[in-house]
PDB file of N, CA and C in Angstrom:
ATOM      1  N   MET A   1     135.429 -53.698 -44.803  1.00  0.00           N
ATOM      2  CA  MET A   1     135.451 -55.064 -44.823  1.00  0.00           C
ATOM      3  C   MET A   1     134.870 -55.788 -43.645  1.00  0.00           C
ATOM      4  N   LYS A   2     134.241 -56.781 -44.002  1.00  0.00           N
ATOM      5  CA  LYS A   2     133.639 -57.462 -42.963  1.00  0.00           C
ATOM      6  C   LYS A   2     134.732 -58.323 -42.307  1.00  0.00           C
ATOM      7  N   GLN A   3     134.466 -58.257 -40.689  1.00  0.00           N
ATOM      8  CA  GLN A   3     135.340 -58.990 -39.983  1.00  0.00           C
ATOM      9  C   GLN A   3     135.664 -60.460 -40.175  1.00  0.00           C
ATOM     10  N   LYS A   4     134.772 -61.286 -40.752  1.00  0.00           N
ATOM     11  CA  LYS A   4     134.858 -62.555 -41.050  1.00  0.00           C
ATOM     12  C   LYS A   4     135.699 -62.568 -42.278  1.00  0.00           C
ATOM     13  N   ASN A   5     135.598 -61.733 -43.353  1.00  0.00           N
ATOM     14  CA  ASN A   5     136.536 -61.799 -44.653  1.00  0.00           C
ATOM     15  C   ASN A   5     138.030 -61.532 -44.013  1.00  0.00           C
ATOM     16  N   TRP A   6     137.998 -60.580 -43.078  1.00  0.00           N
ATOM     17  CA  TRP A   6     139.608 -60.153 -42.806  1.00  0.00           C
ATOM     18  C   TRP A   6     140.331 -61.090 -42.178  1.00  0.00           C
ATOM     19  N   GLN A   7     139.477 -61.977 -41.098  1.00  0.00           N
ATOM     20  CA  GLN A   7     140.172 -63.049 -40.455  1.00  0.00           C
ATOM     21  C   GLN A   7     140.583 -64.243 -41.465  1.00  0.00           C
ATOM     22  N   GLU A   8     139.679 -64.390 -42.587  1.00  0.00           N
ATOM     23  CA  GLU A   8     139.998 -65.322 -43.643  1.00  0.00           C
ATOM     24  C   GLU A   8     141.381 -64.788 -44.369  1.00  0.00           C
ATOM     25  N   ILE A   9     141.443 -63.789 -44.795  1.00  0.00           N
ATOM     26  CA  ILE A   9     142.697 -63.175 -45.358  1.00  0.00           C
ATOM     27  C   ILE A   9     143.842 -63.324 -44.366  1.00  0.00           C
ATOM     28  N   LYS A  10     143.715 -62.711 -43.041  1.00  0.00           N
ATOM     29  CA  LYS A  10     144.926 -62.884 -42.225  1.00  0.00           C
ATOM     30  C   LYS A  10     145.423 -64.394 -41.986  1.00  0.00           C
ATOM     31  N   SER A  11     144.536 -65.384 -42.230  1.00  0.00           N
ATOM     32  CA  SER A  11     145.043 -66.870 -42.153  1.00  0.00           C
ATOM     33  C   SER A  11     145.547 -67.302 -43.454  1.00  0.00           C
ATOM     34  N   MET A  12     145.705 -66.855 -44.418  1.00  0.00           N
ATOM     35  CA  MET A  12     146.057 -67.176 -45.744  1.00  0.00           C
ATOM     36  C   MET A  12     147.586 -67.368 -45.844  1.00  0.00           C
ATOM     37  N   SER A  13     148.123 -68.284 -46.636  1.00  0.00           N
ATOM     38  CA  SER A  13     149.531 -68.223 -46.820  1.00  0.00           C
ATOM     39  C   SER A  13     150.015 -67.287 -47.846  1.00  0.00           C
ATOM     40  N   ASP A  14     151.458 -67.196 -48.076  1.00  0.00           N
ATOM     41  CA  ASP A  14     151.866 -66.193 -48.935  1.00  0.00           C
ATOM     42  C   ASP A  14     151.320 -66.317 -50.246  1.00  0.00           C
ATOM     43  N   LYS A  15     151.679 -67.733 -50.777  1.00  0.00           N
ATOM     44  CA  LYS A  15     150.969 -67.973 -52.169  1.00  0.00           C
ATOM     45  C   LYS A  15     149.550 -67.668 -52.210  1.00  0.00           C
ATOM     46  N   GLU A  16     148.600 -67.845 -51.342  1.00  0.00           N
ATOM     47  CA  GLU A  16     147.293 -67.455 -51.439  1.00  0.00           C
ATOM     48  C   GLU A  16     146.870 -66.140 -51.378  1.00  0.00           C
ATOM     49  N   LEU A  17     147.652 -65.342 -50.679  1.00  0.00           N
ATOM     50  CA  LEU A  17     147.711 -63.833 -50.590  1.00  0.00           C
ATOM     51  C   LEU A  17     148.116 -63.200 -52.046  1.00  0.00           C
ATOM     52  N   ILE A  18     149.047 -63.757 -52.479  1.00  0.00           N
ATOM     53  CA  ILE A  18     149.543 -63.266 -53.665  1.00  0.00           C
ATOM     54  C   ILE A  18     148.393 -63.520 -54.866  1.00  0.00           C
ATOM     55  N   ALA A  19     147.898 -64.720 -54.843  1.00  0.00           N
ATOM     56  CA  ALA A  19     146.682 -65.043 -55.759  1.00  0.00           C
ATOM     57  C   ALA A  19     145.544 -64.041 -55.453  1.00  0.00           C
ATOM     58  N   LYS A  20     145.328 -63.850 -54.162  1.00  0.00           N
ATOM     59  CA  LYS A  20     144.157 -63.011 -53.839  1.00  0.00           C
ATOM     60  C   LYS A  20     144.503 -61.602 -54.383  1.00  0.00           C
ATOM     61  N   LEU A  21     145.558 -61.114 -53.998  1.00  0.00           N
ATOM     62  CA  LEU A  21     146.034 -59.688 -54.373  1.00  0.00           C
ATOM     63  C   LEU A  21     145.822 -59.604 -55.914  1.00  0.00           C
ATOM     64  N   GLY A  22     146.246 -60.472 -56.837  1.00  0.00           N
ATOM     65  CA  GLY A  22     146.114 -60.426 -58.258  1.00  0.00           C
ATOM     66  C   GLY A  22     144.650 -60.298 -58.685  1.00  0.00           C
ATOM     67  N   GLU A  23     143.759 -61.254 -57.949  1.00  0.00           N
ATOM     68  CA  GLU A  23     142.430 -61.141 -58.123  1.00  0.00           C
ATOM     69  C   GLU A  23     141.694 -59.960 -58.014  1.00  0.00           C
ATOM     70  N   ILE A  24     142.034 -59.445 -56.674  1.00  0.00           N
ATOM     71  CA  ILE A  24     141.328 -58.182 -56.316  1.00  0.00           C
ATOM     72  C   ILE A  24     141.919 -56.881 -57.204  1.00  0.00           C
ATOM     73  N   GLU A  25     143.103 -56.840 -57.606  1.00  0.00           N
ATOM     74  CA  GLU A  25     143.659 -55.928 -58.423  1.00  0.00           C
ATOM     75  C   GLU A  25     143.034 -55.719 -59.706  1.00  0.00           C
ATOM     76  N   GLU A  26     142.828 -57.145 -60.099  1.00  0.00           N
ATOM     77  CA  GLU A  26     142.165 -57.378 -61.477  1.00  0.00           C
ATOM     78  C   GLU A  26     140.522 -56.682 -61.543  1.00  0.00           C
ATOM     79  N   LYS A  27     140.000 -56.961 -60.357  1.00  0.00           N
ATOM     80  CA  LYS A  27     138.668 -56.551 -60.265  1.00  0.00           C
ATOM     81  C   LYS A  27     138.513 -55.096 -60.179  1.00  0.00           C
ATOM     82  N   TYR A  28     139.634 -54.531 -59.342  1.00  0.00           N
ATOM     83  CA  TYR A  28     139.726 -52.960 -59.155  1.00  0.00           C
ATOM     84  C   TYR A  28     139.837 -52.493 -60.489  1.00  0.00           C
ATOM     85  N   TYR A  29     140.764 -52.872 -61.347  1.00  0.00           N
ATOM     86  CA  TYR A  29     141.012 -51.955 -62.483  1.00  0.00           C
ATOM     87  C   TYR A  29     139.891 -52.073 -63.607  1.00  0.00           C
ATOM     88  N   LYS A  30     139.093 -53.248 -63.506  1.00  0.00           N
ATOM     89  CA  LYS A  30     138.169 -53.418 -64.377  1.00  0.00           C
ATOM     90  C   LYS A  30     136.925 -52.611 -64.083  1.00  0.00           C
ATOM     91  N   LEU A  31     136.728 -52.444 -62.507  1.00  0.00           N
ATOM     92  CA  LEU A  31     135.698 -51.506 -62.033  1.00  0.00           C
ATOM     93  C   LEU A  31     136.141 -49.933 -62.252  1.00  0.00           C
ATOM     94  N   LYS A  32     137.370 -49.914 -62.183  1.00  0.00           N
ATOM     95  CA  LYS A  32     137.638 -48.401 -62.401  1.00  0.00           C
ATOM     96  C   LYS A  32     137.684 -47.912 -63.792  1.00  0.00           C
ATOM     97  N   PHE A  33     137.786 -48.976 -64.920  1.00  0.00           N
ATOM     98  CA  PHE A  33     137.633 -48.610 -66.201  1.00  0.00           C
ATOM     99  C   PHE A  33     136.148 -48.545 -66.363  1.00  0.00           C
ATOM    100  N   ARG A  34     135.275 -49.328 -66.168  1.00  0.00           N
ATOM    101  CA  ARG A  34     134.029 -49.329 -66.218  1.00  0.00           C
ATOM    102  C   ARG A  34     133.333 -47.711 -65.691  1.00  0.00           C
ATOM    103  N   ASN A  35     133.934 -47.351 -64.506  1.00  0.00           N
ATOM    104  CA  ASN A  35     133.569 -46.294 -64.123  1.00  0.00           C
ATOM    105  C   ASN A  35     133.923 -45.115 -64.803  1.00  0.00           C
ATOM    106  N   SER A  36     134.809 -45.128 -65.596  1.00  0.00           N
ATOM    107  CA  SER A  36     135.354 -43.812 -66.378  1.00  0.00           C
ATOM    108  C   SER A  36     134.463 -43.823 -67.636  1.00  0.00           C
ATOM    109  N   THR A  37     133.936 -45.047 -67.952  1.00  0.00           N
ATOM    110  CA  THR A  37     133.058 -45.016 -69.247  1.00  0.00           C
ATOM    111  C   THR A  37     131.606 -44.373 -68.959  1.00  0.00           C
ATOM    112  N   ALA A  38     131.123 -45.193 -67.920  1.00  0.00           N
ATOM    113  CA  ALA A  38     129.866 -44.849 -67.337  1.00  0.00           C
ATOM    114  C   ALA A  38     129.973 -45.122 -65.823  1.00  0.00           C
ATOM    115  N   PRO A  39     129.213 -44.199 -65.167  1.00  0.00           N
ATOM    116  CA  PRO A  39     129.274 -44.505 -63.590  1.00  0.00           C
ATOM    117  C   PRO A  39     128.770 -45.653 -63.174  1.00  0.00           C
ATOM    118  N   VAL A  40     129.422 -46.282 -62.186  1.00  0.00           N
ATOM    119  CA  VAL A  40     128.975 -47.698 -61.690  1.00  0.00           C
ATOM    120  C   VAL A  40     128.003 -47.406 -60.448  1.00  0.00           C
ATOM    121  N   LYS A  41     127.047 -48.287 -60.261  1.00  0.00           N
ATOM    122  CA  LYS A  41     126.113 -48.006 -59.345  1.00  0.00           C
ATOM    123  C   LYS A  41     126.237 -47.904 -57.945  1.00  0.00           C
ATOM    124  N   ASN A  42     127.534 -48.566 -57.614  1.00  0.00           N
ATOM    125  CA  ASN A  42     128.258 -48.284 -56.156  1.00  0.00           C
ATOM    126  C   ASN A  42     129.487 -47.797 -56.293  1.00  0.00           C
ATOM    127  N   PRO A  43     129.761 -46.506 -56.509  1.00  0.00           N
ATOM    128  CA  PRO A  43     131.130 -46.153 -56.527  1.00  0.00           C
ATOM    129  C   PRO A  43     132.149 -46.327 -55.073  1.00  0.00           C
ATOM    130  N   LEU A  44     131.528 -46.795 -53.980  1.00  0.00           N
ATOM    131  CA  LEU A  44     132.126 -47.138 -52.798  1.00  0.00           C
ATOM    132  C   LEU A  44     132.774 -48.221 -52.934  1.00  0.00           C
ATOM    133  N   GLU A  45     132.424 -49.027 -53.703  1.00  0.00           N
ATOM    134  CA  GLU A  45     133.100 -50.424 -54.023  1.00  0.00           C
ATOM    135  C   GLU A  45     134.568 -50.042 -54.405  1.00  0.00           C
ATOM    136  N   ILE A  46     134.842 -49.239 -55.326  1.00  0.00           N
ATOM    137  CA  ILE A  46     136.260 -48.820 -55.762  1.00  0.00           C
ATOM    138  C   ILE A  46     136.911 -48.532 -54.403  1.00  0.00           C
ATOM    139  N   ARG A  47     136.325 -47.649 -53.785  1.00  0.00           N
ATOM    140  CA  ARG A  47     137.306 -47.358 -52.452  1.00  0.00           C
ATOM    141  C   ARG A  47     137.488 -48.647 -51.727  1.00  0.00           C
ATOM    142  N   GLU A  48     136.702 -49.314 -51.477  1.00  0.00           N
ATOM    143  CA  GLU A  48     136.654 -50.562 -50.480  1.00  0.00           C
ATOM    144  C   GLU A  48     137.793 -51.582 -51.208  1.00  0.00           C
ATOM    145  N   LEU A  49     137.565 -51.732 -52.517  1.00  0.00           N
ATOM    146  CA  LEU A  49     138.986 -52.736 -53.002  1.00  0.00           C
ATOM    147  C   LEU A  49     140.249 -52.090 -53.028  1.00  0.00           C
ATOM    148  N   ARG A  50     140.296 -50.667 -53.088  1.00  0.00           N
ATOM    149  CA  ARG A  50     141.511 -49.972 -52.959  1.00  0.00           C
ATOM    150  C   ARG A  50     142.126 -50.358 -51.558  1.00  0.00           C
ATOM    151  N   LYS A  51     141.142 -50.226 -50.429  1.00  0.00           N
ATOM    152  CA  LYS A  51     141.604 -50.361 -49.196  1.00  0.00           C
ATOM    153  C   LYS A  51     142.041 -52.011 -48.898  1.00  0.00           C
ATOM    154  N   THR A  52     141.217 -52.833 -49.587  1.00  0.00           N
ATOM    155  CA  THR A  52     141.485 -54.234 -49.292  1.00  0.00           C
ATOM    156  C   THR A  52     142.996 -54.812 -49.951  1.00  0.00           C
ATOM    157  N   ILE A  53     143.222 -54.039 -51.100  1.00  0.00           N
ATOM    158  CA  ILE A  53     144.508 -54.111 -51.771  1.00  0.00           C
ATOM    159  C   ILE A  53     145.492 -53.701 -50.818  1.00  0.00           C
ATOM    160  N   ALA A  54     145.407 -52.566 -50.216  1.00  0.00           N
ATOM    161  CA  ALA A  54     146.447 -51.921 -49.199  1.00  0.00           C
ATOM    162  C   ALA A  54     146.621 -53.039 -48.128  1.00  0.00           C
ATOM    163  N   ARG A  55     145.559 -53.451 -47.618  1.00  0.00           N
ATOM    164  CA  ARG A  55     145.487 -54.578 -46.437  1.00  0.00           C
ATOM    165  C   ARG A  55     146.206 -55.793 -46.857  1.00  0.00           C
ATOM    166  N   VAL A  56     146.209 -56.209 -47.929  1.00  0.00           N
ATOM    167  CA  VAL A  56     146.833 -57.572 -48.400  1.00  0.00           C
ATOM    168  C   VAL A  56     148.177 -57.301 -48.537  1.00  0.00           C
ATOM    169  N   LYS A  57     148.475 -56.016 -49.233  1.00  0.00           N
ATOM    170  CA  LYS A  57     149.913 -55.824 -49.406  1.00  0.00           C
ATOM    171  C   LYS A  57     150.522 -55.748 -48.064  1.00  0.00           C
ATOM    172  N   THR A  58     149.838 -55.113 -47.117  1.00  0.00           N
ATOM    173  CA  THR A  58     150.527 -54.823 -45.664  1.00  0.00           C
ATOM    174  C   THR A  58     150.900 -56.135 -45.052  1.00  0.00           C
ATOM    175  N   LEU A  59     149.718 -57.026 -45.143  1.00  0.00           N
ATOM    176  CA  LEU A  59     150.061 -58.465 -44.602  1.00  0.00           C
ATOM    177  C   LEU A  59     151.344 -59.006 -45.372  1.00  0.00           C
ATOM    178  N   LEU A  60     151.420 -59.033 -46.512  1.00  0.00           N
ATOM    179  CA  LEU A  60     152.538 -59.630 -47.233  1.00  0.00           C
ATOM    180  C   LEU A  60     153.923 -59.108 -46.763  1.00  0.00           C
ATOM    181  N   ALA A  61     153.738 -57.839 -46.426  1.00  0.00           N
ATOM    182  CA  ALA A  61     155.164 -57.326 -45.868  1.00  0.00           C
ATOM    183  C   ALA A  61     155.504 -57.532 -44.624  1.00  0.00           C
ATOM    184  N   GLU A  62     154.295 -57.832 -43.847  1.00  0.00           N
ATOM    185  CA  GLU A  62     154.592 -58.100 -42.315  1.00  0.00           C
ATOM    186  C   GLU A  62     155.144 -59.730 -42.241  1.00  0.00           C
ATOM    187  N   GLN A  63     154.586 -60.496 -43.081  1.00  0.00           N
ATOM    188  CA  GLN A  63     154.901 -61.677 -43.078  1.00  0.00           C
ATOM    189  C   GLN A  63     156.260 -62.034 -43.828  1.00  0.00           C
ATOM    190  N   LYS A  64     156.765 -60.987 -44.569  1.00  0.00           N
ATOM    191  CA  LYS A  64     158.000 -61.037 -45.125  1.00  0.00           C
ATOM    192  C   LYS A  64     159.130 -60.588 -43.971  1.00  0.00           C
ATOM    193  N   LYS A  65     158.728 -59.689 -43.098  1.00  0.00           N
ATOM    194  CA  LYS A  65     159.575 -59.117 -42.135  1.00  0.00           C
ATOM    195  C   LYS A  65     159.599 -60.322 -41.203  1.00  0.00           C
ATOM    196  N   GLY A  66     158.466 -61.051 -40.922  1.00  0.00           N
ATOM    197  CA  GLY A  66     158.564 -61.842 -39.740  1.00  0.00           C
ATOM    198  C   GLY A  66     159.399 -63.236 -40.046  1.00  0.00           C
ATOM    199  N   LYS A  67     159.734 -63.519 -41.456  1.00  0.00           N
ATOM    200  CA  LYS A  67     160.393 -64.806 -41.682  1.00  0.00           C
ATOM    201  C   LYS A  67     162.056 -64.475 -41.584  1.00  0.00           C
TER     202      LYS A  67
END
């Protein structure tokens, strides 16, 4: 993940993070389904999306703990 994107995600509010998480998860599942039917051009994108989902979930947990 590019540093600029990571800084943007870290500065988001809870509601924005939840919306972003839903968007990323939807993209991940669609890409994973497409990959099961026919190989995608860039399979590393699946891994990167999975890591981004984990990062966003971690941020949400940290923000919950902080409150």
